[in-house]
Amino acid sequence: VIASAIVIYINGRINRSSIKSALESKNVKGAIIKQID
């Protein structure tokens, strides 16, 4: 449970802007892209 990822769903394309908005909503200041599927 602790190691599980928090899942965020967005409408449209995942780009830098949408990532920033999603992270901002979770009060995250910065993140590294670990995987792209």
All heavy atoms as atom14 arrays in JSON, in Angstrom:
{
  "sequence": "VIASAIVIYINGRINRSSIKSALESKNVKGAIIKQID",
  "atom14_mask": [
    [1, 1, 1, 1, 1, 1, 1, 0, 0, 0, 0, 0, 0, 0],
    [1, 1, 1, 1, 1, 1, 1, 1, 0, 0, 0, 0, 0, 0],
    [1, 1, 1, 1, 1, 0, 0, 0, 0, 0, 0, 0, 0, 0],
    [1, 1, 1, 1, 1, 1, 0, 0, 0, 0, 0, 0, 0, 0],
    [1, 1, 1, 1, 1, 0, 0, 0, 0, 0, 0, 0, 0, 0],
    [1, 1, 1, 1, 1, 1, 1, 1, 0, 0, 0, 0, 0, 0],
    [1, 1, 1, 1, 1, 1, 1, 0, 0, 0, 0, 0, 0, 0],
    [1, 1, 1, 1, 1, 1, 1, 1, 0, 0, 0, 0, 0, 0],
    [1, 1, 1, 1, 1, 1, 1, 1, 1, 1, 1, 1, 0, 0],
    [1, 1, 1, 1, 1, 1, 1, 1, 0, 0, 0, 0, 0, 0],
    [1, 1, 1, 1, 1, 1, 1, 1, 0, 0, 0, 0, 0, 0],
    [1, 1, 1, 1, 0, 0, 0, 0, 0, 0, 0, 0, 0, 0],
    [1, 1, 1, 1, 1, 1, 1, 1, 1, 1, 1, 0, 0, 0],
    [1, 1, 1, 1, 1, 1, 1, 1, 0, 0, 0, 0, 0, 0],
    [1, 1, 1, 1, 1, 1, 1, 1, 0, 0, 0, 0, 0, 0],
    [1, 1, 1, 1, 1, 1, 1, 1, 1, 1, 1, 0, 0, 0],
    [1, 1, 1, 1, 1, 1, 0, 0, 0, 0, 0, 0, 0, 0],
    [1, 1, 1, 1, 1, 1, 0, 0, 0, 0, 0, 0, 0, 0],
    [1, 1, 1, 1, 1, 1, 1, 1, 0, 0, 0, 0, 0, 0],
    [1, 1, 1, 1, 1, 1, 1, 1, 1, 0, 0, 0, 0, 0],
    [1, 1, 1, 1, 1, 1, 0, 0, 0, 0, 0, 0, 0, 0],
    [1, 1, 1, 1, 1, 0, 0, 0, 0, 0, 0, 0, 0, 0],
    [1, 1, 1, 1, 1, 1, 1, 1, 0, 0, 0, 0, 0, 0],
    [1, 1, 1, 1, 1, 1, 1, 1, 1, 0, 0, 0, 0, 0],
    [1, 1, 1, 1, 1, 1, 0, 0, 0, 0, 0, 0, 0, 0],
    [1, 1, 1, 1, 1, 1, 1, 1, 1, 0, 0, 0, 0, 0],
    [1, 1, 1, 1, 1, 1, 1, 1, 0, 0, 0, 0, 0, 0],
    [1, 1, 1, 1, 1, 1, 1, 0, 0, 0, 0, 0, 0, 0],
    [1, 1, 1, 1, 1, 1, 1, 1, 1, 0, 0, 0, 0, 0],
    [1, 1, 1, 1, 0, 0, 0, 0, 0, 0, 0, 0, 0, 0],
    [1, 1, 1, 1, 1, 0, 0, 0, 0, 0, 0, 0, 0, 0],
    [1, 1, 1, 1, 1, 1, 1, 1, 0, 0, 0, 0, 0, 0],
    [1, 1, 1, 1, 1, 1, 1, 1, 0, 0, 0, 0, 0, 0],
    [1, 1, 1, 1, 1, 1, 1, 1, 1, 0, 0, 0, 0, 0],
    [1, 1, 1, 1, 1, 1, 1, 1, 1, 0, 0, 0, 0, 0],
    [1, 1, 1, 1, 1, 1, 1, 1, 0, 0, 0, 0, 0, 0],
    [1, 1, 1, 1, 1, 1, 1, 1, 0, 0, 0, 0, 0, 0]
  ],
  "atom14_positions": [
    [[0.84, -1.21, 0.0], [0.0, 0.0, 0.0], [0.86, 1.25, 0.0], [0.6, 2.2, -0.73], [-0.97, -0.01, 1.21], [-1.65, 1.33, 1.37], [-1.99, -1.12, 1.05], [0.0, 0.0, 0.0], [0.0, 0.0, 0.0], [0.0, 0.0, 0.0], [0.0, 0.0, 0.0], [0.0, 0.0, 0.0], [0.0, 0.0, 0.0], [0.0, 0.0, 0.0]],
    [[1.92, 1.25, 0.78], [2.81, 2.41, 0.85], [3.54, 2.62, -0.47], [3.73, 3.74, -0.92], [3.8, 2.25, 2.02], [3.05, 2.34, 3.35], [4.91, 3.3, 1.96], [3.9, 2.01, 4.56], [0.0, 0.0, 0.0], [0.0, 0.0, 0.0], [0.0, 0.0, 0.0], [0.0, 0.0, 0.0], [0.0, 0.0, 0.0], [0.0, 0.0, 0.0]],
    [[3.95, 1.53, -1.11], [4.74, 1.62, -2.33], [3.9, 1.87, -3.58], [4.45, 2.12, -4.63], [5.55, 0.34, -2.51], [0.0, 0.0, 0.0], [0.0, 0.0, 0.0], [0.0, 0.0, 0.0], [0.0, 0.0, 0.0], [0.0, 0.0, 0.0], [0.0, 0.0, 0.0], [0.0, 0.0, 0.0], [0.0, 0.0, 0.0], [0.0, 0.0, 0.0]],
    [[2.6, 1.8, -3.48], [1.77, 1.95, -4.67], [1.76, 3.39, -5.15], [1.92, 4.33, -4.39], [0.34, 1.47, -4.39], [-0.25, 2.29, -3.41], [0.0, 0.0, 0.0], [0.0, 0.0, 0.0], [0.0, 0.0, 0.0], [0.0, 0.0, 0.0], [0.0, 0.0, 0.0], [0.0, 0.0, 0.0], [0.0, 0.0, 0.0], [0.0, 0.0, 0.0]],
    [[1.56, 3.52, -6.46], [1.56, 4.84, -7.08], [0.19, 5.5, -6.94], [-0.83, 4.84, -6.88], [1.92, 4.71, -8.55], [0.0, 0.0, 0.0], [0.0, 0.0, 0.0], [0.0, 0.0, 0.0], [0.0, 0.0, 0.0], [0.0, 0.0, 0.0], [0.0, 0.0, 0.0], [0.0, 0.0, 0.0], [0.0, 0.0, 0.0], [0.0, 0.0, 0.0]],
    [[0.21, 6.81, -6.91], [-1.02, 7.6, -6.94], [-1.36, 7.81, -8.41], [-0.54, 8.26, -9.19], [-0.83, 8.94, -6.21], [-0.57, 8.69, -4.72], [-2.04, 9.84, -6.42], [-0.23, 9.93, -3.94], [0.0, 0.0, 0.0], [0.0, 0.0, 0.0], [0.0, 0.0, 0.0], [0.0, 0.0, 0.0], [0.0, 0.0, 0.0], [0.0, 0.0, 0.0]],
    [[-2.58, 7.46, -8.78], [-3.01, 7.52, -10.18], [-3.79, 8.81, -10.41], [-4.69, 9.15, -9.64], [-3.87, 6.29, -10.54], [-4.33, 6.37, -11.98], [-3.1, 5.01, -10.29], [0.0, 0.0, 0.0], [0.0, 0.0, 0.0], [0.0, 0.0, 0.0], [0.0, 0.0, 0.0], [0.0, 0.0, 0.0], [0.0, 0.0, 0.0], [0.0, 0.0, 0.0]],
    [[-3.41, 9.52, -11.48], [-4.06, 10.78, -11.85], [-4.54, 10.64, -13.29], [-3.76, 10.25, -14.17], [-3.07, 11.97, -11.75], [-2.51, 12.07, -10.33], [-3.75, 13.26, -12.18], [-1.34, 13.03, -10.21], [0.0, 0.0, 0.0], [0.0, 0.0, 0.0], [0.0, 0.0, 0.0], [0.0, 0.0, 0.0], [0.0, 0.0, 0.0], [0.0, 0.0, 0.0]],
    [[-5.8, 10.93, -13.53], [-6.36, 10.88, -14.88], [-6.56, 12.3, -15.39], [-7.07, 13.16, -14.68], [-7.71, 10.15, -14.88], [-7.58, 8.67, -14.56], [-7.74, 8.22, -13.26], [-7.29, 7.77, -15.55], [-7.61, 6.87, -12.96], [-7.15, 6.42, -15.26], [-7.32, 5.98, -13.97], [-7.18, 4.65, -13.67], [0.0, 0.0, 0.0], [0.0, 0.0, 0.0]],
    [[-6.14, 12.53, -16.64], [-6.34, 13.84, -17.27], [-7.03, 13.64, -18.61], [-6.94, 12.57, -19.22], [-5.01, 14.61, -17.46], [-4.07, 13.87, -18.39], [-4.34, 14.88, -16.13], [-2.91, 14.71, -18.87], [0.0, 0.0, 0.0], [0.0, 0.0, 0.0], [0.0, 0.0, 0.0], [0.0, 0.0, 0.0], [0.0, 0.0, 0.0], [0.0, 0.0, 0.0]],
    [[-7.69, 14.68, -19.07], [-8.28, 14.66, -20.4], [-7.27, 15.25, -21.37], [-6.68, 16.28, -21.11], [-9.56, 15.5, -20.44], [-10.67, 14.86, -19.65], [-10.78, 13.65, -19.62], [-11.5, 15.68, -19.02], [0.0, 0.0, 0.0], [0.0, 0.0, 0.0], [0.0, 0.0, 0.0], [0.0, 0.0, 0.0], [0.0, 0.0, 0.0], [0.0, 0.0, 0.0]],
    [[-7.07, 14.59, -22.49], [-6.19, 15.11, -23.51], [-4.78, 14.54, -23.44], [-4.53, 13.5, -22.84], [0.0, 0.0, 0.0], [0.0, 0.0, 0.0], [0.0, 0.0, 0.0], [0.0, 0.0, 0.0], [0.0, 0.0, 0.0], [0.0, 0.0, 0.0], [0.0, 0.0, 0.0], [0.0, 0.0, 0.0], [0.0, 0.0, 0.0], [0.0, 0.0, 0.0]],
    [[-3.87, 15.26, -24.06], [-2.48, 14.82, -24.2], [-1.68, 15.08, -22.93], [-1.82, 16.12, -22.3], [-1.84, 15.57, -25.37], [-0.37, 15.26, -25.56], [0.17, 15.91, -26.77], [-0.27, 15.08, -27.89], [0.12, 15.26, -29.14], [0.9, 16.26, -29.45], [-0.3, 14.46, -30.08], [0.0, 0.0, 0.0], [0.0, 0.0, 0.0], [0.0, 0.0, 0.0]],
    [[-0.83, 14.13, -22.6], [0.09, 14.31, -21.48], [1.31, 15.04, -22.02], [2.05, 14.52, -22.86], [0.52, 12.96, -20.87], [-0.7, 12.16, -20.4], [1.48, 13.18, -19.72], [-0.38, 10.73, -19.98], [0.0, 0.0, 0.0], [0.0, 0.0, 0.0], [0.0, 0.0, 0.0], [0.0, 0.0, 0.0], [0.0, 0.0, 0.0], [0.0, 0.0, 0.0]],
    [[1.51, 16.27, -21.57], [2.67, 17.07, -21.96], [3.21, 17.77, -20.7], [2.72, 17.54, -19.61], [2.31, 18.06, -23.07], [1.14, 18.94, -22.7], [0.89, 19.2, -21.53], [0.41, 19.4, -23.7], [0.0, 0.0, 0.0], [0.0, 0.0, 0.0], [0.0, 0.0, 0.0], [0.0, 0.0, 0.0], [0.0, 0.0, 0.0], [0.0, 0.0, 0.0]],
    [[4.23, 18.58, -20.86], [4.84, 19.24, -19.69], [3.82, 20.08, -18.93], [3.79, 20.09, -17.7], [6.02, 20.09, -20.13], [7.24, 19.28, -20.46], [8.37, 20.13, -21.04], [9.4, 19.28, -21.59], [9.35, 18.69, -22.78], [8.3, 18.88, -23.56], [10.34, 17.92, -23.2], [0.0, 0.0, 0.0], [0.0, 0.0, 0.0], [0.0, 0.0, 0.0]],
    [[2.97, 20.78, -19.64], [1.98, 21.65, -19.01], [0.96, 20.83, -18.2], [0.63, 21.19, -17.06], [1.26, 22.47, -20.08], [0.24, 23.24, -19.53], [0.0, 0.0, 0.0], [0.0, 0.0, 0.0], [0.0, 0.0, 0.0], [0.0, 0.0, 0.0], [0.0, 0.0, 0.0], [0.0, 0.0, 0.0], [0.0, 0.0, 0.0], [0.0, 0.0, 0.0]],
    [[0.47, 19.74, -18.77], [-0.52, 18.93, -18.06], [0.12, 18.21, -16.87], [-0.52, 18.02, -15.83], [-1.19, 17.92, -19.0], [-0.26, 17.0, -19.51], [0.0, 0.0, 0.0], [0.0, 0.0, 0.0], [0.0, 0.0, 0.0], [0.0, 0.0, 0.0], [0.0, 0.0, 0.0], [0.0, 0.0, 0.0], [0.0, 0.0, 0.0], [0.0, 0.0, 0.0]],
    [[1.4, 17.84, -17.0], [2.11, 17.22, -15.87], [2.27, 18.23, -14.75], [2.03, 17.92, -13.57], [3.49, 16.67, -16.3], [3.3, 15.45, -17.22], [4.34, 16.3, -15.09], [4.58, 14.94, -17.84], [0.0, 0.0, 0.0], [0.0, 0.0, 0.0], [0.0, 0.0, 0.0], [0.0, 0.0, 0.0], [0.0, 0.0, 0.0], [0.0, 0.0, 0.0]],
    [[2.65, 19.46, -15.09], [2.79, 20.51, -14.07], [1.49, 20.76, -13.34], [1.45, 20.88, -12.12], [3.3, 21.8, -14.7], [4.75, 21.77, -15.07], [5.19, 23.1, -15.66], [6.64, 23.04, -16.08], [7.11, 24.33, -16.59], [0.0, 0.0, 0.0], [0.0, 0.0, 0.0], [0.0, 0.0, 0.0], [0.0, 0.0, 0.0], [0.0, 0.0, 0.0]],
    [[0.38, 20.81, -14.07], [-0.93, 21.03, -13.46], [-1.31, 19.88, -12.54], [-1.82, 20.1, -11.44], [-2.01, 21.19, -14.53], [-1.77, 22.33, -15.3], [0.0, 0.0, 0.0], [0.0, 0.0, 0.0], [0.0, 0.0, 0.0], [0.0, 0.0, 0.0], [0.0, 0.0, 0.0], [0.0, 0.0, 0.0], [0.0, 0.0, 0.0], [0.0, 0.0, 0.0]],
    [[-1.05, 18.65, -12.98], [-1.38, 17.48, -12.17], [-0.53, 17.45, -10.9], [-1.04, 17.16, -9.81], [-1.17, 16.2, -12.98], [0.0, 0.0, 0.0], [0.0, 0.0, 0.0], [0.0, 0.0, 0.0], [0.0, 0.0, 0.0], [0.0, 0.0, 0.0], [0.0, 0.0, 0.0], [0.0, 0.0, 0.0], [0.0, 0.0, 0.0], [0.0, 0.0, 0.0]],
    [[0.75, 17.76, -11.02], [1.64, 17.76, -9.86], [1.27, 18.88, -8.89], [1.3, 18.71, -7.68], [3.1, 17.88, -10.28], [3.68, 16.7, -11.04], [5.1, 17.01, -11.49], [3.64, 15.43, -10.21], [0.0, 0.0, 0.0], [0.0, 0.0, 0.0], [0.0, 0.0, 0.0], [0.0, 0.0, 0.0], [0.0, 0.0, 0.0], [0.0, 0.0, 0.0]],
    [[0.9, 20.02, -9.44], [0.51, 21.16, -8.6], [-0.73, 20.82, -7.78], [-0.83, 21.2, -6.61], [0.25, 22.38, -9.47], [0.02, 23.65, -8.7], [-0.09, 24.86, -9.61], [-0.55, 24.72, -10.75], [0.3, 25.94, -9.16], [0.0, 0.0, 0.0], [0.0, 0.0, 0.0], [0.0, 0.0, 0.0], [0.0, 0.0, 0.0], [0.0, 0.0, 0.0]],
    [[-1.65, 20.06, -8.36], [-2.87, 19.69, -7.63], [-2.57, 18.75, -6.46], [-3.35, 18.64, -5.53], [-3.88, 19.04, -8.57], [-3.46, 17.74, -8.95], [0.0, 0.0, 0.0], [0.0, 0.0, 0.0], [0.0, 0.0, 0.0], [0.0, 0.0, 0.0], [0.0, 0.0, 0.0], [0.0, 0.0, 0.0], [0.0, 0.0, 0.0], [0.0, 0.0, 0.0]],
    [[-1.42, 18.07, -6.52], [-1.0, 17.16, -5.44], [0.06, 17.79, -4.55], [0.67, 17.11, -3.72], [-0.46, 15.85, -6.03], [-1.46, 15.08, -6.85], [-2.61, 14.63, -5.99], [-3.6, 13.82, -6.82], [-4.77, 13.43, -6.07], [0.0, 0.0, 0.0], [0.0, 0.0, 0.0], [0.0, 0.0, 0.0], [0.0, 0.0, 0.0], [0.0, 0.0, 0.0]],
    [[0.32, 19.1, -4.71], [1.31, 19.84, -3.92], [2.72, 19.27, -4.05], [3.47, 19.21, -3.08], [0.91, 19.91, -2.45], [-0.36, 20.7, -2.26], [-0.57, 21.72, -2.91], [-1.22, 20.24, -1.38], [0.0, 0.0, 0.0], [0.0, 0.0, 0.0], [0.0, 0.0, 0.0], [0.0, 0.0, 0.0], [0.0, 0.0, 0.0], [0.0, 0.0, 0.0]],
    [[3.08, 18.86, -5.26], [4.42, 18.35, -5.56], [5.21, 19.47, -6.22], [4.73, 20.13, -7.13], [4.34, 17.12, -6.5], [5.72, 16.63, -6.87], [3.54, 16.02, -5.84], [0.0, 0.0, 0.0], [0.0, 0.0, 0.0], [0.0, 0.0, 0.0], [0.0, 0.0, 0.0], [0.0, 0.0, 0.0], [0.0, 0.0, 0.0], [0.0, 0.0, 0.0]],
    [[6.43, 19.7, -5.75], [7.26, 20.79, -6.29], [8.06, 20.37, -7.51], [8.39, 21.19, -8.36], [8.19, 21.3, -5.21], [7.44, 21.95, -4.06], [8.38, 22.44, -3.01], [7.58, 23.04, -1.85], [8.43, 23.4, -0.73], [0.0, 0.0, 0.0], [0.0, 0.0, 0.0], [0.0, 0.0, 0.0], [0.0, 0.0, 0.0], [0.0, 0.0, 0.0]],
    [[8.4, 19.09, -7.59], [9.17, 18.61, -8.72], [9.17, 17.1, -8.77], [9.06, 16.43, -7.75], [0.0, 0.0, 0.0], [0.0, 0.0, 0.0], [0.0, 0.0, 0.0], [0.0, 0.0, 0.0], [0.0, 0.0, 0.0], [0.0, 0.0, 0.0], [0.0, 0.0, 0.0], [0.0, 0.0, 0.0], [0.0, 0.0, 0.0], [0.0, 0.0, 0.0]],
    [[9.27, 16.57, -9.99], [9.28, 15.12, -10.16], [10.11, 14.75, -11.38], [10.3, 15.56, -12.29], [7.86, 14.59, -10.32], [0.0, 0.0, 0.0], [0.0, 0.0, 0.0], [0.0, 0.0, 0.0], [0.0, 0.0, 0.0], [0.0, 0.0, 0.0], [0.0, 0.0, 0.0], [0.0, 0.0, 0.0], [0.0, 0.0, 0.0], [0.0, 0.0, 0.0]],
    [[10.6, 13.53, -11.37], [11.38, 13.02, -12.5], [10.54, 11.98, -13.23], [9.82, 11.2, -12.61], [12.72, 12.42, -12.01], [13.61, 12.03, -13.19], [12.5, 11.24, -11.08], [15.04, 11.73, -12.8], [0.0, 0.0, 0.0], [0.0, 0.0, 0.0], [0.0, 0.0, 0.0], [0.0, 0.0, 0.0], [0.0, 0.0, 0.0], [0.0, 0.0, 0.0]],
    [[10.62, 12.01, -14.55], [9.89, 11.03, -15.36], [10.65, 9.71, -15.29], [11.79, 9.62, -15.71], [9.75, 11.5, -16.82], [8.95, 12.8, -16.88], [9.1, 10.41, -17.67], [8.85, 13.41, -18.28], [0.0, 0.0, 0.0], [0.0, 0.0, 0.0], [0.0, 0.0, 0.0], [0.0, 0.0, 0.0], [0.0, 0.0, 0.0], [0.0, 0.0, 0.0]],
    [[10.01, 8.69, -14.73], [10.63, 7.38, -14.57], [10.33, 6.45, -15.75], [11.15, 5.63, -16.12], [10.15, 6.71, -13.27], [10.5, 7.47, -12.02], [11.97, 7.65, -11.84], [12.57, 6.45, -11.17], [13.99, 6.59, -10.88], [0.0, 0.0, 0.0], [0.0, 0.0, 0.0], [0.0, 0.0, 0.0], [0.0, 0.0, 0.0], [0.0, 0.0, 0.0]],
    [[9.12, 6.57, -16.31], [8.73, 5.67, -17.38], [7.68, 6.33, -18.26], [6.8, 7.03, -17.76], [8.18, 4.37, -16.8], [7.82, 3.33, -17.81], [7.31, 2.05, -17.16], [7.12, 1.98, -15.94], [7.09, 1.03, -17.95], [0.0, 0.0, 0.0], [0.0, 0.0, 0.0], [0.0, 0.0, 0.0], [0.0, 0.0, 0.0], [0.0, 0.0, 0.0]],
    [[7.76, 6.07, -19.56], [6.76, 6.55, -20.5], [6.24, 5.34, -21.27], [7.01, 4.62, -21.9], [7.36, 7.57, -21.49], [7.9, 8.79, -20.74], [6.33, 7.99, -22.53], [8.7, 9.75, -21.59], [0.0, 0.0, 0.0], [0.0, 0.0, 0.0], [0.0, 0.0, 0.0], [0.0, 0.0, 0.0], [0.0, 0.0, 0.0], [0.0, 0.0, 0.0]],
    [[4.93, 5.11, -21.17], [4.3, 4.01, -21.89], [3.35, 4.62, -22.91], [2.22, 4.96, -22.6], [3.55, 3.1, -20.91], [2.97, 1.87, -21.57], [2.91, 1.83, -22.82], [2.55, 0.95, -20.85], [0.0, 0.0, 0.0], [0.0, 0.0, 0.0], [0.0, 0.0, 0.0], [0.0, 0.0, 0.0], [0.0, 0.0, 0.0], [0.0, 0.0, 0.0]]
  ]
}
